[in-house]
Amino acid sequence: MEIKKQNKLDAGVVSDLFPNVEGIVIQMTYFHNAENPILMQRTVNVFPSSYAFFKMECMIKGCEGGGFDLTSLIAKNIKQLKKTFKGEMVCKGKNGGKPSDHAKISYEINIKYSKKKRSK
């Protein structure tokens, strides 16, 4: 738990890294290999005061070293001033005898930009 807390602190704050961003909404659907493939749906609201930590954990019990790191995708799309983007990502974690594609997410990310640039 301490490592996750330190990673959030190290990531910095959204308003410092992306001063023109007013908010980010991350909508995710988690899937797993089962009869009913939808594991859960989740919405994460990110504010200027939030940590710029965009690594979501894998929801499969026992998964080690996995998860879904959206950091580079979000940074790239902010640089390009995109307002909306979608995609899928597969968990690369290890989970005993389960296949390496034991979980995935589909995501839609919406970014709201400020009308005027903030000064530092």
N, C-alpha and C. Protein backbone atom coordinates (compact mmCIF):
# COMPACT_ATOMS: atom_id res chain seq x y z
N MET A 1 0.83 -1.20 0.00
CA MET A 1 0.00 0.00 0.00
C MET A 1 0.87 1.26 0.00
N GLU A 2 1.98 1.22 0.71
CA GLU A 2 2.87 2.38 0.76
C GLU A 2 3.46 2.70 -0.61
N ILE A 3 3.74 1.67 -1.40
CA ILE A 3 4.31 1.89 -2.73
C ILE A 3 3.30 2.62 -3.61
N LYS A 4 2.04 2.20 -3.54
CA LYS A 4 1.00 2.85 -4.35
C LYS A 4 0.86 4.32 -3.95
N LYS A 5 0.90 4.59 -2.66
CA LYS A 5 0.80 5.96 -2.17
C LYS A 5 1.98 6.79 -2.67
N GLN A 6 3.18 6.22 -2.62
CA GLN A 6 4.37 6.92 -3.08
C GLN A 6 4.30 7.17 -4.59
N ASN A 7 3.79 6.18 -5.34
CA ASN A 7 3.65 6.35 -6.79
C ASN A 7 2.71 7.51 -7.12
N LYS A 8 1.63 7.65 -6.34
CA LYS A 8 0.70 8.76 -6.55
C LYS A 8 1.40 10.09 -6.29
N LEU A 9 2.14 10.17 -5.19
CA LEU A 9 2.87 11.40 -4.86
C LEU A 9 3.89 11.73 -5.95
N ASP A 10 4.60 10.71 -6.43
CA ASP A 10 5.61 10.91 -7.48
C ASP A 10 5.00 11.37 -8.80
N ALA A 11 3.75 10.98 -9.05
CA ALA A 11 3.08 11.34 -10.31
C ALA A 11 2.81 12.83 -10.42
N GLY A 12 2.66 13.50 -9.29
CA GLY A 12 2.36 14.93 -9.31
C GLY A 12 0.87 15.17 -9.43
N VAL A 13 0.51 16.43 -9.51
CA VAL A 13 -0.89 16.85 -9.54
C VAL A 13 -1.26 17.25 -10.97
N VAL A 14 -2.48 16.95 -11.37
CA VAL A 14 -2.95 17.23 -12.73
C VAL A 14 -2.74 18.69 -13.10
N SER A 15 -3.09 19.62 -12.20
CA SER A 15 -2.98 21.05 -12.52
C SER A 15 -1.54 21.49 -12.77
N ASP A 16 -0.57 20.82 -12.15
CA ASP A 16 0.84 21.15 -12.39
C ASP A 16 1.33 20.59 -13.73
N LEU A 17 0.93 19.37 -14.04
CA LEU A 17 1.39 18.72 -15.26
C LEU A 17 0.62 19.16 -16.50
N PHE A 18 -0.67 19.39 -16.32
CA PHE A 18 -1.55 19.74 -17.44
C PHE A 18 -2.38 20.96 -17.05
N PRO A 19 -1.79 22.16 -17.04
CA PRO A 19 -2.48 23.35 -16.52
C PRO A 19 -3.72 23.75 -17.32
N ASN A 20 -3.85 23.29 -18.54
CA ASN A 20 -5.02 23.66 -19.35
C ASN A 20 -6.18 22.66 -19.22
N VAL A 21 -6.03 21.64 -18.36
CA VAL A 21 -7.08 20.63 -18.19
C VAL A 21 -7.95 20.97 -16.99
N GLU A 22 -9.26 21.04 -17.23
CA GLU A 22 -10.23 21.28 -16.15
C GLU A 22 -10.73 19.99 -15.53
N GLY A 23 -10.71 18.92 -16.28
CA GLY A 23 -11.18 17.65 -15.75
C GLY A 23 -11.05 16.54 -16.76
N ILE A 24 -11.01 15.32 -16.23
CA ILE A 24 -10.92 14.11 -17.05
C ILE A 24 -11.93 13.11 -16.50
N VAL A 25 -12.69 12.50 -17.39
CA VAL A 25 -13.61 11.43 -17.00
C VAL A 25 -13.16 10.16 -17.72
N ILE A 26 -12.85 9.14 -16.92
CA ILE A 26 -12.39 7.86 -17.46
C ILE A 26 -13.51 6.84 -17.22
N GLN A 27 -14.09 6.33 -18.30
CA GLN A 27 -15.12 5.30 -18.20
C GLN A 27 -14.51 3.99 -18.66
N MET A 28 -14.61 2.97 -17.80
CA MET A 28 -14.00 1.68 -18.12
C MET A 28 -15.00 0.55 -17.91
N THR A 29 -14.90 -0.44 -18.77
CA THR A 29 -15.60 -1.70 -18.57
C THR A 29 -14.53 -2.76 -18.45
N TYR A 30 -14.55 -3.47 -17.32
CA TYR A 30 -13.60 -4.55 -17.07
C TYR A 30 -14.19 -5.86 -17.57
N PHE A 31 -13.37 -6.64 -18.28
CA PHE A 31 -13.79 -7.95 -18.79
C PHE A 31 -12.85 -9.02 -18.25
N HIS A 32 -13.37 -10.23 -18.08
CA HIS A 32 -12.54 -11.37 -17.71
C HIS A 32 -13.03 -12.59 -18.47
N ASN A 33 -12.21 -13.64 -18.47
CA ASN A 33 -12.56 -14.87 -19.18
C ASN A 33 -13.51 -15.68 -18.32
N ALA A 34 -14.79 -15.52 -18.56
CA ALA A 34 -15.82 -16.24 -17.81
C ALA A 34 -17.08 -16.31 -18.65
N GLU A 35 -18.06 -17.05 -18.16
CA GLU A 35 -19.33 -17.18 -18.88
C GLU A 35 -19.99 -15.81 -19.08
N ASN A 36 -19.98 -15.00 -18.03
CA ASN A 36 -20.45 -13.61 -18.12
C ASN A 36 -19.20 -12.74 -18.14
N PRO A 37 -18.76 -12.29 -19.32
CA PRO A 37 -17.46 -11.64 -19.44
C PRO A 37 -17.34 -10.26 -18.80
N ILE A 38 -18.45 -9.54 -18.59
CA ILE A 38 -18.34 -8.21 -17.99
C ILE A 38 -18.19 -8.35 -16.49
N LEU A 39 -17.05 -7.94 -15.99
CA LEU A 39 -16.76 -8.02 -14.56
C LEU A 39 -17.34 -6.83 -13.82
N MET A 40 -17.14 -5.62 -14.36
CA MET A 40 -17.68 -4.41 -13.74
C MET A 40 -17.52 -3.22 -14.67
N GLN A 41 -18.26 -2.17 -14.37
CA GLN A 41 -18.11 -0.90 -15.06
C GLN A 41 -17.71 0.13 -14.02
N ARG A 42 -16.86 1.05 -14.42
CA ARG A 42 -16.31 2.01 -13.46
C ARG A 42 -16.12 3.36 -14.15
N THR A 43 -16.41 4.42 -13.40
CA THR A 43 -16.15 5.77 -13.88
C THR A 43 -15.25 6.46 -12.87
N VAL A 44 -14.17 7.05 -13.35
CA VAL A 44 -13.24 7.78 -12.49
C VAL A 44 -13.24 9.23 -12.94
N ASN A 45 -13.55 10.13 -12.01
CA ASN A 45 -13.52 11.57 -12.29
C ASN A 45 -12.21 12.13 -11.76
N VAL A 46 -11.48 12.82 -12.62
CA VAL A 46 -10.17 13.37 -12.26
C VAL A 46 -10.28 14.89 -12.31
N PHE A 47 -9.88 15.53 -11.22
CA PHE A 47 -9.97 16.98 -11.08
C PHE A 47 -8.56 17.59 -11.15
N PRO A 48 -8.45 18.90 -11.35
CA PRO A 48 -7.12 19.53 -11.37
C PRO A 48 -6.31 19.26 -10.09
N SER A 49 -6.99 19.08 -8.97
CA SER A 49 -6.30 18.82 -7.70
C SER A 49 -5.97 17.34 -7.49
N SER A 50 -6.40 16.47 -8.41
CA SER A 50 -6.15 15.03 -8.30
C SER A 50 -4.71 14.70 -8.68
N TYR A 51 -4.24 13.57 -8.16
CA TYR A 51 -2.93 13.07 -8.59
C TYR A 51 -3.04 12.63 -10.05
N ALA A 52 -1.99 12.86 -10.81
CA ALA A 52 -1.94 12.46 -12.22
C ALA A 52 -1.46 11.01 -12.30
N PHE A 53 -2.12 10.16 -11.54
CA PHE A 53 -1.79 8.73 -11.45
C PHE A 53 -2.91 7.97 -12.14
N PHE A 54 -2.61 7.40 -13.30
CA PHE A 54 -3.65 6.79 -14.13
C PHE A 54 -3.42 5.30 -14.33
N LYS A 55 -2.83 4.63 -13.34
CA LYS A 55 -2.68 3.17 -13.42
C LYS A 55 -3.82 2.53 -12.64
N MET A 56 -4.68 1.83 -13.35
CA MET A 56 -5.82 1.16 -12.74
C MET A 56 -5.44 -0.29 -12.47
N GLU A 57 -5.81 -0.79 -11.32
CA GLU A 57 -5.46 -2.16 -10.95
C GLU A 57 -6.30 -3.17 -11.72
N CYS A 58 -5.72 -4.34 -11.91
CA CYS A 58 -6.47 -5.47 -12.45
C CYS A 58 -7.42 -5.93 -11.35
N MET A 59 -8.65 -6.23 -11.71
CA MET A 59 -9.65 -6.62 -10.72
C MET A 59 -9.71 -8.13 -10.50
N ILE A 60 -8.81 -8.88 -11.13
CA ILE A 60 -8.79 -10.32 -10.97
C ILE A 60 -7.94 -10.66 -9.75
N LYS A 61 -8.55 -11.34 -8.80
CA LYS A 61 -7.88 -11.71 -7.55
C LYS A 61 -6.65 -12.56 -7.87
N GLY A 62 -5.53 -12.20 -7.26
CA GLY A 62 -4.30 -12.95 -7.44
C GLY A 62 -3.41 -12.47 -8.57
N CYS A 63 -3.85 -11.49 -9.33
CA CYS A 63 -3.03 -10.97 -10.43
C CYS A 63 -1.85 -10.19 -9.85
N GLU A 64 -0.65 -10.54 -10.31
CA GLU A 64 0.56 -9.86 -9.84
C GLU A 64 1.23 -9.12 -10.98
N GLY A 65 1.56 -7.86 -10.73
CA GLY A 65 2.28 -7.06 -11.71
C GLY A 65 1.44 -6.62 -12.89
N GLY A 66 0.14 -6.74 -12.78
CA GLY A 66 -0.74 -6.37 -13.88
C GLY A 66 -1.38 -5.02 -13.68
N GLY A 67 -2.44 -4.81 -14.39
CA GLY A 67 -3.16 -3.55 -14.32
C GLY A 67 -3.18 -2.88 -15.68
N PHE A 68 -3.67 -1.66 -15.68
CA PHE A 68 -3.89 -0.93 -16.93
C PHE A 68 -3.35 0.48 -16.75
N ASP A 69 -2.19 0.76 -17.33
CA ASP A 69 -1.57 2.07 -17.17
C ASP A 69 -1.98 2.97 -18.33
N LEU A 70 -2.86 3.92 -18.04
CA LEU A 70 -3.38 4.84 -19.04
C LEU A 70 -2.58 6.14 -19.11
N THR A 71 -1.52 6.25 -18.33
CA THR A 71 -0.76 7.50 -18.20
C THR A 71 -0.26 8.03 -19.54
N SER A 72 0.45 7.21 -20.30
CA SER A 72 1.02 7.70 -21.56
C SER A 72 -0.06 8.03 -22.58
N LEU A 73 -1.15 7.26 -22.59
CA LEU A 73 -2.27 7.56 -23.50
C LEU A 73 -2.90 8.90 -23.18
N ILE A 74 -3.12 9.14 -21.89
CA ILE A 74 -3.74 10.41 -21.48
C ILE A 74 -2.81 11.58 -21.79
N ALA A 75 -1.53 11.45 -21.46
CA ALA A 75 -0.57 12.53 -21.72
C ALA A 75 -0.48 12.83 -23.22
N LYS A 76 -0.41 11.79 -24.05
CA LYS A 76 -0.32 11.97 -25.50
C LYS A 76 -1.55 12.69 -26.05
N ASN A 77 -2.72 12.29 -25.59
CA ASN A 77 -3.95 12.89 -26.10
C ASN A 77 -4.16 14.31 -25.59
N ILE A 78 -3.68 14.61 -24.40
CA ILE A 78 -3.73 15.99 -23.91
C ILE A 78 -2.80 16.86 -24.75
N LYS A 79 -1.62 16.34 -25.06
CA LYS A 79 -0.67 17.08 -25.90
C LYS A 79 -1.29 17.41 -27.26
N GLN A 80 -2.11 16.49 -27.78
CA GLN A 80 -2.77 16.69 -29.07
C GLN A 80 -4.11 17.42 -28.93
N LEU A 81 -4.44 17.83 -27.70
CA LEU A 81 -5.69 18.54 -27.39
C LEU A 81 -6.95 17.77 -27.79
N LYS A 82 -6.88 16.45 -27.75
CA LYS A 82 -8.05 15.63 -28.05
C LYS A 82 -9.03 15.70 -26.88
N LYS A 83 -10.30 15.72 -27.20
CA LYS A 83 -11.33 15.78 -26.16
C LYS A 83 -11.84 14.40 -25.77
N THR A 84 -11.85 13.47 -26.71
CA THR A 84 -12.36 12.12 -26.45
C THR A 84 -11.53 11.10 -27.20
N PHE A 85 -11.25 9.98 -26.53
CA PHE A 85 -10.62 8.85 -27.22
C PHE A 85 -11.03 7.56 -26.53
N LYS A 86 -11.00 6.47 -27.30
CA LYS A 86 -11.45 5.16 -26.84
C LYS A 86 -10.41 4.11 -27.19
N GLY A 87 -10.50 2.98 -26.50
CA GLY A 87 -9.62 1.88 -26.84
C GLY A 87 -9.82 0.70 -25.93
N GLU A 88 -8.93 -0.27 -26.08
CA GLU A 88 -8.92 -1.46 -25.23
C GLU A 88 -7.50 -1.71 -24.78
N MET A 89 -7.38 -2.39 -23.65
CA MET A 89 -6.07 -2.71 -23.10
C MET A 89 -6.17 -4.07 -22.41
N VAL A 90 -5.15 -4.91 -22.59
CA VAL A 90 -5.11 -6.24 -22.00
C VAL A 90 -4.15 -6.23 -20.82
N CYS A 91 -4.54 -6.88 -19.72
CA CYS A 91 -3.67 -6.99 -18.55
C CYS A 91 -2.52 -7.94 -18.87
N LYS A 92 -1.31 -7.53 -18.54
CA LYS A 92 -0.12 -8.34 -18.80
C LYS A 92 0.40 -9.02 -17.53
N GLY A 93 -0.39 -8.95 -16.45
CA GLY A 93 0.04 -9.52 -15.18
C GLY A 93 0.04 -11.04 -15.18
N LYS A 94 0.63 -11.61 -14.14
CA LYS A 94 0.69 -13.06 -13.96
C LYS A 94 -0.34 -13.44 -12.90
N ASN A 95 -1.03 -14.54 -13.17
CA ASN A 95 -2.06 -14.99 -12.23
C ASN A 95 -2.10 -16.51 -12.22
N GLY A 96 -1.11 -17.09 -11.56
CA GLY A 96 -1.05 -18.55 -11.46
C GLY A 96 -1.10 -19.21 -12.83
N GLY A 97 -2.04 -20.13 -13.00
CA GLY A 97 -2.15 -20.86 -14.25
C GLY A 97 -3.06 -20.21 -15.27
N LYS A 98 -3.59 -19.04 -14.95
CA LYS A 98 -4.51 -18.37 -15.89
C LYS A 98 -3.73 -17.80 -17.07
N PRO A 99 -4.38 -17.73 -18.24
CA PRO A 99 -3.69 -17.18 -19.41
C PRO A 99 -3.31 -15.71 -19.21
N SER A 100 -2.32 -15.27 -19.99
CA SER A 100 -1.82 -13.90 -19.82
C SER A 100 -2.87 -12.86 -20.19
N ASP A 101 -3.88 -13.26 -20.96
CA ASP A 101 -4.95 -12.32 -21.30
C ASP A 101 -6.19 -12.55 -20.41
N HIS A 102 -5.95 -12.79 -19.14
CA HIS A 102 -7.04 -13.12 -18.20
C HIS A 102 -8.01 -11.97 -17.97
N ALA A 103 -7.61 -10.75 -18.32
CA ALA A 103 -8.49 -9.60 -18.12
C ALA A 103 -8.17 -8.52 -19.14
N LYS A 104 -9.17 -7.70 -19.45
CA LYS A 104 -8.96 -6.55 -20.32
C LYS A 104 -9.97 -5.48 -19.94
N ILE A 105 -9.72 -4.27 -20.43
CA ILE A 105 -10.69 -3.19 -20.26
C ILE A 105 -10.96 -2.56 -21.63
N SER A 106 -12.15 -2.00 -21.74
CA SER A 106 -12.41 -1.06 -22.82
C SER A 106 -12.59 0.27 -22.11
N TYR A 107 -12.11 1.33 -22.71
CA TYR A 107 -12.17 2.63 -22.05
C TYR A 107 -12.60 3.72 -23.01
N GLU A 108 -13.21 4.73 -22.42
CA GLU A 108 -13.49 5.98 -23.13
C GLU A 108 -13.06 7.08 -22.18
N ILE A 109 -12.23 7.98 -22.68
CA ILE A 109 -11.70 9.06 -21.85
C ILE A 109 -12.11 10.39 -22.45
N ASN A 110 -12.72 11.22 -21.63
CA ASN A 110 -13.16 12.56 -22.05
C ASN A 110 -12.37 13.59 -21.26
N ILE A 111 -11.81 14.56 -21.97
CA ILE A 111 -10.98 15.59 -21.35
C ILE A 111 -11.62 16.94 -21.59
N LYS A 112 -11.76 17.71 -20.52
CA LYS A 112 -12.30 19.07 -20.63
C LYS A 112 -11.15 20.04 -20.41
N TYR A 113 -11.00 20.96 -21.37
CA TYR A 113 -9.93 21.95 -21.31
C TYR A 113 -10.50 23.29 -20.87
N SER A 114 -9.64 24.08 -20.22
CA SER A 114 -10.07 25.43 -19.83
C SER A 114 -10.09 26.31 -21.07
N LYS A 115 -10.94 27.31 -21.03
CA LYS A 115 -11.08 28.21 -22.18
C LYS A 115 -9.87 29.13 -22.32
N LYS A 116 -9.29 29.50 -21.18
CA LYS A 116 -8.08 30.33 -21.22
C LYS A 116 -6.97 29.61 -20.49
N LYS A 117 -5.75 29.89 -20.88
CA LYS A 117 -4.60 29.23 -20.26
C LYS A 117 -4.36 29.80 -18.88
N ARG A 118 -4.04 28.88 -17.97
CA ARG A 118 -3.69 29.31 -16.61
C ARG A 118 -2.23 29.71 -16.57
N SER A 119 -1.92 30.69 -15.77
CA SER A 119 -0.52 31.07 -15.61
C SER A 119 0.04 30.34 -14.41
N LYS A 120 1.31 30.00 -14.48
CA LYS A 120 1.93 29.26 -13.38
C LYS A 120 2.36 30.16 -12.27
